[in-house]
Amino acid sequence: MSYEKVKQAKETIIGIKQTVKAIQAGKVTEVIIAQDIEERFTRQLLEVTNEYSIPVTYVASRKQLGEASGIAVGTSVVALTE
């Protein structure tokens, strides 16, 4: 389901640092995180999503999340905007 949301999104933001910046700028409506990433990489991101009340959805695979985002490599985080 969440992979479909990513595929259908008009605009996405890929990567942890870019997602944090976009959340702080008020551009993000939801964050999708791959479960096959170490927690230490997402700790700051989760703090920011909690602070700004951004919903977080988890998916199983970085590789599939990257494919759904239209990139040739895996990604740990995708942010959805409007």
PDB file of N, CA and C in Angstrom:
ATOM      1  N   MET A   1       0.815  -1.197   0.000  1.00  0.00           N
ATOM      2  CA  MET A   1       0.000   0.000   0.000  1.00  0.00           C
ATOM      3  C   MET A   1       0.860   1.263   0.000  1.00  0.00           C
ATOM      4  N   SER A   2       1.829   1.347   0.903  1.00  0.00           N
ATOM      5  CA  SER A   2       2.649   2.554   0.973  1.00  0.00           C
ATOM      6  C   SER A   2       3.531   2.722  -0.251  1.00  0.00           C
ATOM      7  N   TYR A   3       3.951   1.595  -0.843  1.00  0.00           N
ATOM      8  CA  TYR A   3       4.720   1.696  -2.086  1.00  0.00           C
ATOM      9  C   TYR A   3       3.855   2.369  -3.152  1.00  0.00           C
ATOM     10  N   GLU A   4       2.565   2.046  -3.170  1.00  0.00           N
ATOM     11  CA  GLU A   4       1.649   2.651  -4.135  1.00  0.00           C
ATOM     12  C   GLU A   4       1.499   4.148  -3.883  1.00  0.00           C
ATOM     13  N   LYS A   5       1.449   4.541  -2.612  1.00  0.00           N
ATOM     14  CA  LYS A   5       1.375   5.970  -2.288  1.00  0.00           C
ATOM     15  C   LYS A   5       2.576   6.705  -2.862  1.00  0.00           C
ATOM     16  N   VAL A   6       3.743   6.099  -2.727  1.00  0.00           N
ATOM     17  CA  VAL A   6       4.962   6.723  -3.230  1.00  0.00           C
ATOM     18  C   VAL A   6       4.911   6.817  -4.749  1.00  0.00           C
ATOM     19  N   LYS A   7       4.499   5.735  -5.402  1.00  0.00           N
ATOM     20  CA  LYS A   7       4.417   5.729  -6.867  1.00  0.00           C
ATOM     21  C   LYS A   7       3.441   6.781  -7.384  1.00  0.00           C
ATOM     22  N   GLN A   8       2.337   6.989  -6.672  1.00  0.00           N
ATOM     23  CA  GLN A   8       1.297   7.913  -7.120  1.00  0.00           C
ATOM     24  C   GLN A   8       1.546   9.360  -6.719  1.00  0.00           C
ATOM     25  N   ALA A   9       2.492   9.586  -5.822  1.00  0.00           N
ATOM     26  CA  ALA A   9       2.754  10.944  -5.343  1.00  0.00           C
ATOM     27  C   ALA A   9       3.270  11.833  -6.463  1.00  0.00           C
ATOM     28  N   LYS A  10       2.777  13.048  -6.499  1.00  0.00           N
ATOM     29  CA  LYS A  10       3.230  14.003  -7.511  1.00  0.00           C
ATOM     30  C   LYS A  10       4.639  14.484  -7.208  1.00  0.00           C
ATOM     31  N   GLU A  11       4.942  14.645  -5.933  1.00  0.00           N
ATOM     32  CA  GLU A  11       6.268  15.100  -5.526  1.00  0.00           C
ATOM     33  C   GLU A  11       6.709  14.339  -4.292  1.00  0.00           C
ATOM     34  N   THR A  12       7.950  13.868  -4.308  1.00  0.00           N
ATOM     35  CA  THR A  12       8.526  13.200  -3.148  1.00  0.00           C
ATOM     36  C   THR A  12       9.875  13.822  -2.832  1.00  0.00           C
ATOM     37  N   ILE A  13      10.296  13.608  -1.610  1.00  0.00           N
ATOM     38  CA  ILE A  13      11.614  14.040  -1.167  1.00  0.00           C
ATOM     39  C   ILE A  13      12.318  12.779  -0.695  1.00  0.00           C
ATOM     40  N   ILE A  14      13.519  12.560  -1.192  1.00  0.00           N
ATOM     41  CA  ILE A  14      14.226  11.312  -0.916  1.00  0.00           C
ATOM     42  C   ILE A  14      15.443  11.594  -0.041  1.00  0.00           C
ATOM     43  N   GLY A  15      15.607  10.782   1.004  1.00  0.00           N
ATOM     44  CA  GLY A  15      16.767  10.887   1.874  1.00  0.00           C
ATOM     45  C   GLY A  15      16.431  11.499   3.219  1.00  0.00           C
ATOM     46  N   ILE A  16      17.221  11.141   4.208  1.00  0.00           N
ATOM     47  CA  ILE A  16      16.966  11.570   5.586  1.00  0.00           C
ATOM     48  C   ILE A  16      17.176  13.075   5.761  1.00  0.00           C
ATOM     49  N   LYS A  17      18.337  13.578   5.359  1.00  0.00           N
ATOM     50  CA  LYS A  17      18.636  15.005   5.568  1.00  0.00           C
ATOM     51  C   LYS A  17      17.642  15.903   4.837  1.00  0.00           C
ATOM     52  N   GLN A  18      17.332  15.551   3.604  1.00  0.00           N
ATOM     53  CA  GLN A  18      16.397  16.357   2.822  1.00  0.00           C
ATOM     54  C   GLN A  18      15.001  16.306   3.433  1.00  0.00           C
ATOM     55  N   THR A  19      14.626  15.142   3.963  1.00  0.00           N
ATOM     56  CA  THR A  19      13.315  14.998   4.598  1.00  0.00           C
ATOM     57  C   THR A  19      13.218  15.847   5.854  1.00  0.00           C
ATOM     58  N   VAL A  20      14.254  15.838   6.682  1.00  0.00           N
ATOM     59  CA  VAL A  20      14.251  16.650   7.907  1.00  0.00           C
ATOM     60  C   VAL A  20      14.093  18.125   7.545  1.00  0.00           C
ATOM     61  N   LYS A  21      14.848  18.597   6.553  1.00  0.00           N
ATOM     62  CA  LYS A  21      14.751  20.002   6.133  1.00  0.00           C
ATOM     63  C   LYS A  21      13.345  20.328   5.625  1.00  0.00           C
ATOM     64  N   ALA A  22      12.770  19.422   4.850  1.00  0.00           N
ATOM     65  CA  ALA A  22      11.434  19.655   4.300  1.00  0.00           C
ATOM     66  C   ALA A  22      10.368  19.662   5.392  1.00  0.00           C
ATOM     67  N   ILE A  23      10.509  18.807   6.395  1.00  0.00           N
ATOM     68  CA  ILE A  23       9.561  18.803   7.524  1.00  0.00           C
ATOM     69  C   ILE A  23       9.627  20.145   8.245  1.00  0.00           C
ATOM     70  N   GLN A  24      10.842  20.601   8.510  1.00  0.00           N
ATOM     71  CA  GLN A  24      11.014  21.873   9.214  1.00  0.00           C
ATOM     72  C   GLN A  24      10.484  23.047   8.399  1.00  0.00           C
ATOM     73  N   ALA A  25      10.469  22.896   7.083  1.00  0.00           N
ATOM     74  CA  ALA A  25       9.932  23.948   6.212  1.00  0.00           C
ATOM     75  C   ALA A  25       8.427  23.826   6.023  1.00  0.00           C
ATOM     76  N   GLY A  26       7.809  22.788   6.604  1.00  0.00           N
ATOM     77  CA  GLY A  26       6.364  22.633   6.524  1.00  0.00           C
ATOM     78  C   GLY A  26       5.855  22.042   5.225  1.00  0.00           C
ATOM     79  N   LYS A  27       6.694  21.307   4.505  1.00  0.00           N
ATOM     80  CA  LYS A  27       6.310  20.784   3.199  1.00  0.00           C
ATOM     81  C   LYS A  27       5.842  19.332   3.202  1.00  0.00           C
ATOM     82  N   VAL A  28       6.017  18.610   4.297  1.00  0.00           N
ATOM     83  CA  VAL A  28       5.802  17.165   4.308  1.00  0.00           C
ATOM     84  C   VAL A  28       4.471  16.796   4.952  1.00  0.00           C
ATOM     85  N   THR A  29       3.756  15.853   4.315  1.00  0.00           N
ATOM     86  CA  THR A  29       2.491  15.376   4.871  1.00  0.00           C
ATOM     87  C   THR A  29       2.613  13.976   5.471  1.00  0.00           C
ATOM     88  N   GLU A  30       3.593  13.202   5.011  1.00  0.00           N
ATOM     89  CA  GLU A  30       3.802  11.844   5.523  1.00  0.00           C
ATOM     90  C   GLU A  30       5.218  11.407   5.206  1.00  0.00           C
ATOM     91  N   VAL A  31       5.775  10.565   6.077  1.00  0.00           N
ATOM     92  CA  VAL A  31       7.120  10.022   5.868  1.00  0.00           C
ATOM     93  C   VAL A  31       7.030   8.504   5.792  1.00  0.00           C
ATOM     94  N   ILE A  32       7.707   7.928   4.808  1.00  0.00           N
ATOM     95  CA  ILE A  32       7.769   6.483   4.640  1.00  0.00           C
ATOM     96  C   ILE A  32       9.204   6.055   4.942  1.00  0.00           C
ATOM     97  N   ILE A  33       9.376   5.091   5.862  1.00  0.00           N
ATOM     98  CA  ILE A  33      10.702   4.638   6.267  1.00  0.00           C
ATOM     99  C   ILE A  33      10.823   3.141   6.004  1.00  0.00           C
ATOM    100  N   ALA A  34      11.934   2.743   5.409  1.00  0.00           N
ATOM    101  CA  ALA A  34      12.208   1.323   5.191  1.00  0.00           C
ATOM    102  C   ALA A  34      12.638   0.686   6.512  1.00  0.00           C
ATOM    103  N   GLN A  35      12.116  -0.483   6.807  1.00  0.00           N
ATOM    104  CA  GLN A  35      12.436  -1.157   8.063  1.00  0.00           C
ATOM    105  C   GLN A  35      13.819  -1.777   8.064  1.00  0.00           C
ATOM    106  N   ASP A  36      14.415  -1.968   6.908  1.00  0.00           N
ATOM    107  CA  ASP A  36      15.721  -2.607   6.870  1.00  0.00           C
ATOM    108  C   ASP A  36      16.878  -1.603   6.941  1.00  0.00           C
ATOM    109  N   ILE A  37      16.689  -0.582   7.766  1.00  0.00           N
ATOM    110  CA  ILE A  37      17.731   0.409   8.037  1.00  0.00           C
ATOM    111  C   ILE A  37      17.958   0.434   9.540  1.00  0.00           C
ATOM    112  N   GLU A  38      19.195   0.686   9.935  1.00  0.00           N
ATOM    113  CA  GLU A  38      19.515   0.732  11.363  1.00  0.00           C
ATOM    114  C   GLU A  38      18.846   1.931  12.030  1.00  0.00           C
ATOM    115  N   GLU A  39      18.401   1.715  13.246  1.00  0.00           N
ATOM    116  CA  GLU A  39      17.678   2.751  13.996  1.00  0.00           C
ATOM    117  C   GLU A  39      18.501   4.023  14.178  1.00  0.00           C
ATOM    118  N   ARG A  40      19.803   3.887  14.321  1.00  0.00           N
ATOM    119  CA  ARG A  40      20.643   5.076  14.556  1.00  0.00           C
ATOM    120  C   ARG A  40      20.543   6.086  13.414  1.00  0.00           C
ATOM    121  N   PHE A  41      20.212   5.616  12.213  1.00  0.00           N
ATOM    122  CA  PHE A  41      20.085   6.520  11.078  1.00  0.00           C
ATOM    123  C   PHE A  41      18.772   7.301  11.107  1.00  0.00           C
ATOM    124  N   THR A  42      17.756   6.741  11.701  1.00  0.00           N
ATOM    125  CA  THR A  42      16.447   7.394  11.673  1.00  0.00           C
ATOM    126  C   THR A  42      16.070   8.081  12.990  1.00  0.00           C
ATOM    127  N   ARG A  43      16.917   7.994  13.983  1.00  0.00           N
ATOM    128  CA  ARG A  43      16.598   8.556  15.303  1.00  0.00           C
ATOM    129  C   ARG A  43      16.229  10.035  15.217  1.00  0.00           C
ATOM    130  N   GLN A  44      17.083  10.854  14.583  1.00  0.00           N
ATOM    131  CA  GLN A  44      16.799  12.297  14.477  1.00  0.00           C
ATOM    132  C   GLN A  44      15.527  12.540  13.674  1.00  0.00           C
ATOM    133  N   LEU A  45      15.362  11.791  12.599  1.00  0.00           N
ATOM    134  CA  LEU A  45      14.172  11.951  11.763  1.00  0.00           C
ATOM    135  C   LEU A  45      12.905  11.681  12.566  1.00  0.00           C
ATOM    136  N   LEU A  46      12.908  10.630  13.354  1.00  0.00           N
ATOM    137  CA  LEU A  46      11.727  10.298  14.158  1.00  0.00           C
ATOM    138  C   LEU A  46      11.442  11.366  15.212  1.00  0.00           C
ATOM    139  N   GLU A  47      12.488  11.964  15.758  1.00  0.00           N
ATOM    140  CA  GLU A  47      12.289  13.061  16.709  1.00  0.00           C
ATOM    141  C   GLU A  47      11.594  14.241  16.021  1.00  0.00           C
ATOM    142  N   VAL A  48      12.027  14.554  14.807  1.00  0.00           N
ATOM    143  CA  VAL A  48      11.440  15.673  14.067  1.00  0.00           C
ATOM    144  C   VAL A  48      10.000  15.363  13.662  1.00  0.00           C
ATOM    145  N   THR A  49       9.731  14.125  13.215  1.00  0.00           N
ATOM    146  CA  THR A  49       8.350  13.782  12.839  1.00  0.00           C
ATOM    147  C   THR A  49       7.427  13.871  14.049  1.00  0.00           C
ATOM    148  N   ASN A  50       7.916  13.477  15.216  1.00  0.00           N
ATOM    149  CA  ASN A  50       7.099  13.596  16.434  1.00  0.00           C
ATOM    150  C   ASN A  50       6.854  15.060  16.786  1.00  0.00           C
ATOM    151  N   GLU A  51       7.893  15.855  16.695  1.00  0.00           N
ATOM    152  CA  GLU A  51       7.786  17.273  17.031  1.00  0.00           C
ATOM    153  C   GLU A  51       6.785  17.999  16.130  1.00  0.00           C
ATOM    154  N   TYR A  52       6.756  17.647  14.848  1.00  0.00           N
ATOM    155  CA  TYR A  52       5.883  18.310  13.888  1.00  0.00           C
ATOM    156  C   TYR A  52       4.599  17.517  13.604  1.00  0.00           C
ATOM    157  N   SER A  53       4.381  16.434  14.336  1.00  0.00           N
ATOM    158  CA  SER A  53       3.185  15.590  14.196  1.00  0.00           C
ATOM    159  C   SER A  53       2.986  15.087  12.764  1.00  0.00           C
ATOM    160  N   ILE A  54       4.054  14.602  12.171  1.00  0.00           N
ATOM    161  CA  ILE A  54       4.011  14.044  10.822  1.00  0.00           C
ATOM    162  C   ILE A  54       3.816  12.533  10.933  1.00  0.00           C
ATOM    163  N   PRO A  55       2.817  11.963  10.260  1.00  0.00           N
ATOM    164  CA  PRO A  55       2.618  10.516  10.316  1.00  0.00           C
ATOM    165  C   PRO A  55       3.779   9.761   9.650  1.00  0.00           C
ATOM    166  N   VAL A  56       4.139   8.630  10.240  1.00  0.00           N
ATOM    167  CA  VAL A  56       5.220   7.790   9.728  1.00  0.00           C
ATOM    168  C   VAL A  56       4.653   6.421   9.392  1.00  0.00           C
ATOM    169  N   THR A  57       5.002   5.929   8.210  1.00  0.00           N
ATOM    170  CA  THR A  57       4.611   4.597   7.776  1.00  0.00           C
ATOM    171  C   THR A  57       5.879   3.819   7.479  1.00  0.00           C
ATOM    172  N   TYR A  58       5.884   2.546   7.850  1.00  0.00           N
ATOM    173  CA  TYR A  58       7.049   1.698   7.603  1.00  0.00           C
ATOM    174  C   TYR A  58       6.759   0.723   6.477  1.00  0.00           C
ATOM    175  N   VAL A  59       7.785   0.496   5.651  1.00  0.00           N
ATOM    176  CA  VAL A  59       7.730  -0.515   4.599  1.00  0.00           C
ATOM    177  C   VAL A  59       8.910  -1.456   4.802  1.00  0.00           C
ATOM    178  N   ALA A  60       8.868  -2.594   4.157  1.00  0.00           N
ATOM    179  CA  ALA A  60       9.859  -3.636   4.413  1.00  0.00           C
ATOM    180  C   ALA A  60      11.234  -3.369   3.810  1.00  0.00           C
ATOM    181  N   SER A  61      11.309  -2.780   2.635  1.00  0.00           N
ATOM    182  CA  SER A  61      12.553  -2.827   1.878  1.00  0.00           C
ATOM    183  C   SER A  61      13.006  -1.488   1.322  1.00  0.00           C
ATOM    184  N   ARG A  62      14.292  -1.169   1.535  1.00  0.00           N
ATOM    185  CA  ARG A  62      14.892   0.030   0.935  1.00  0.00           C
ATOM    186  C   ARG A  62      14.888  -0.074  -0.584  1.00  0.00           C
ATOM    187  N   LYS A  63      15.195  -1.267  -1.071  1.00  0.00           N
ATOM    188  CA  LYS A  63      15.258  -1.466  -2.522  1.00  0.00           C
ATOM    189  C   LYS A  63      13.905  -1.178  -3.166  1.00  0.00           C
ATOM    190  N   GLN A  64      12.837  -1.741  -2.598  1.00  0.00           N
ATOM    191  CA  GLN A  64      11.499  -1.527  -3.156  1.00  0.00           C
ATOM    192  C   GLN A  64      11.057  -0.078  -3.000  1.00  0.00           C
ATOM    193  N   LEU A  65      11.455   0.555  -1.900  1.00  0.00           N
ATOM    194  CA  LEU A  65      11.105   1.961  -1.692  1.00  0.00           C
ATOM    195  C   LEU A  65      11.798   2.833  -2.738  1.00  0.00           C
ATOM    196  N   GLY A  66      13.045   2.526  -3.047  1.00  0.00           N
ATOM    197  CA  GLY A  66      13.753   3.244  -4.101  1.00  0.00           C
ATOM    198  C   GLY A  66      13.088   3.058  -5.453  1.00  0.00           C
ATOM    199  N   GLU A  67      12.709   1.826  -5.759  1.00  0.00           N
ATOM    200  CA  GLU A  67      12.032   1.535  -7.022  1.00  0.00           C
ATOM    201  C   GLU A  67      10.711   2.301  -7.122  1.00  0.00           C
ATOM    202  N   ALA A  68       9.963   2.315  -6.032  1.00  0.00           N
ATOM    203  CA  ALA A  68       8.683   3.031  -6.020  1.00  0.00           C
ATOM    204  C   ALA A  68       8.892   4.535  -6.209  1.00  0.00           C
ATOM    205  N   SER A  69      10.059   5.025  -5.784  1.00  0.00           N
ATOM    206  CA  SER A  69      10.385   6.445  -5.915  1.00  0.00           C
ATOM    207  C   SER A  69      10.911   6.797  -7.295  1.00  0.00           C
ATOM    208  N   GLY A  70      11.161   5.777  -8.100  1.00  0.00           N
ATOM    209  CA  GLY A  70      11.650   6.026  -9.450  1.00  0.00           C
ATOM    210  C   GLY A  70      13.154   6.181  -9.545  1.00  0.00           C
ATOM    211  N   ILE A  71      13.883   5.692  -8.535  1.00  0.00           N
ATOM    212  CA  ILE A  71      15.342   5.751  -8.601  1.00  0.00           C
ATOM    213  C   ILE A  71      15.897   4.334  -8.692  1.00  0.00           C
ATOM    214  N   ALA A  72      17.114   4.233  -9.199  1.00  0.00           N
ATOM    215  CA  ALA A  72      17.699   2.925  -9.481  1.00  0.00           C
ATOM    216  C   ALA A  72      18.358   2.275  -8.266  1.00  0.00           C
ATOM    217  N   VAL A  73      18.430   2.978  -7.158  1.00  0.00           N
ATOM    218  CA  VAL A  73      19.041   2.438  -5.943  1.00  0.00           C
ATOM    219  C   VAL A  73      18.019   2.471  -4.807  1.00  0.00           C
ATOM    220  N   GLY A  74      18.339   1.792  -3.732  1.00  0.00           N
ATOM    221  CA  GLY A  74      17.447   1.807  -2.577  1.00  0.00           C
ATOM    222  C   GLY A  74      17.504   3.129  -1.844  1.00  0.00           C
ATOM    223  N   THR A  75      16.464   3.405  -1.091  1.00  0.00           N
ATOM    224  CA  THR A  75      16.437   4.593  -0.237  1.00  0.00           C
ATOM    225  C   THR A  75      15.792   4.232   1.092  1.00  0.00           C
ATOM    226  N   SER A  76      16.273   4.828   2.144  1.00  0.00           N
ATOM    227  CA  SER A  76      15.752   4.509   3.470  1.00  0.00           C
ATOM    228  C   SER A  76      14.522   5.316   3.827  1.00  0.00           C
ATOM    229  N   VAL A  77      14.389   6.510   3.237  1.00  0.00           N
ATOM    230  CA  VAL A  77      13.307   7.410   3.605  1.00  0.00           C
ATOM    231  C   VAL A  77      12.763   8.143   2.376  1.00  0.00           C
ATOM    232  N   VAL A  78      11.439   8.235   2.315  1.00  0.00           N
ATOM    233  CA  VAL A  78      10.771   9.064   1.304  1.00  0.00           C
ATOM    234  C   VAL A  78       9.727   9.901   2.028  1.00  0.00           C
ATOM    235  N   ALA A  79       9.726  11.185   1.743  1.00  0.00           N
ATOM    236  CA  ALA A  79       8.711  12.079   2.300  1.00  0.00           C
ATOM    237  C   ALA A  79       7.709  12.423   1.212  1.00  0.00           C
ATOM    238  N   LEU A  80       6.455  12.401   1.572  1.00  0.00           N
ATOM    239  CA  LEU A  80       5.393  12.790   0.652  1.00  0.00           C
ATOM    240  C   LEU A  80       4.976  14.221   0.944  1.00  0.00           C
ATOM    241  N   THR A  81       4.794  14.975  -0.116  1.00  0.00           N
ATOM    242  CA  THR A  81       4.262  16.333   0.033  1.00  0.00           C
ATOM    243  C   THR A  81       2.838  16.290  -0.473  1.00  0.00           C
ATOM    244  N   GLU A  82       2.127  17.369  -0.381  1.00  0.00           N
ATOM    245  CA  GLU A  82       0.723  17.416  -0.776  1.00  0.00           C
ATOM    246  C   GLU A  82       0.374  16.361  -1.711  1.00  0.00           C
TER     247      GLU A  82
END
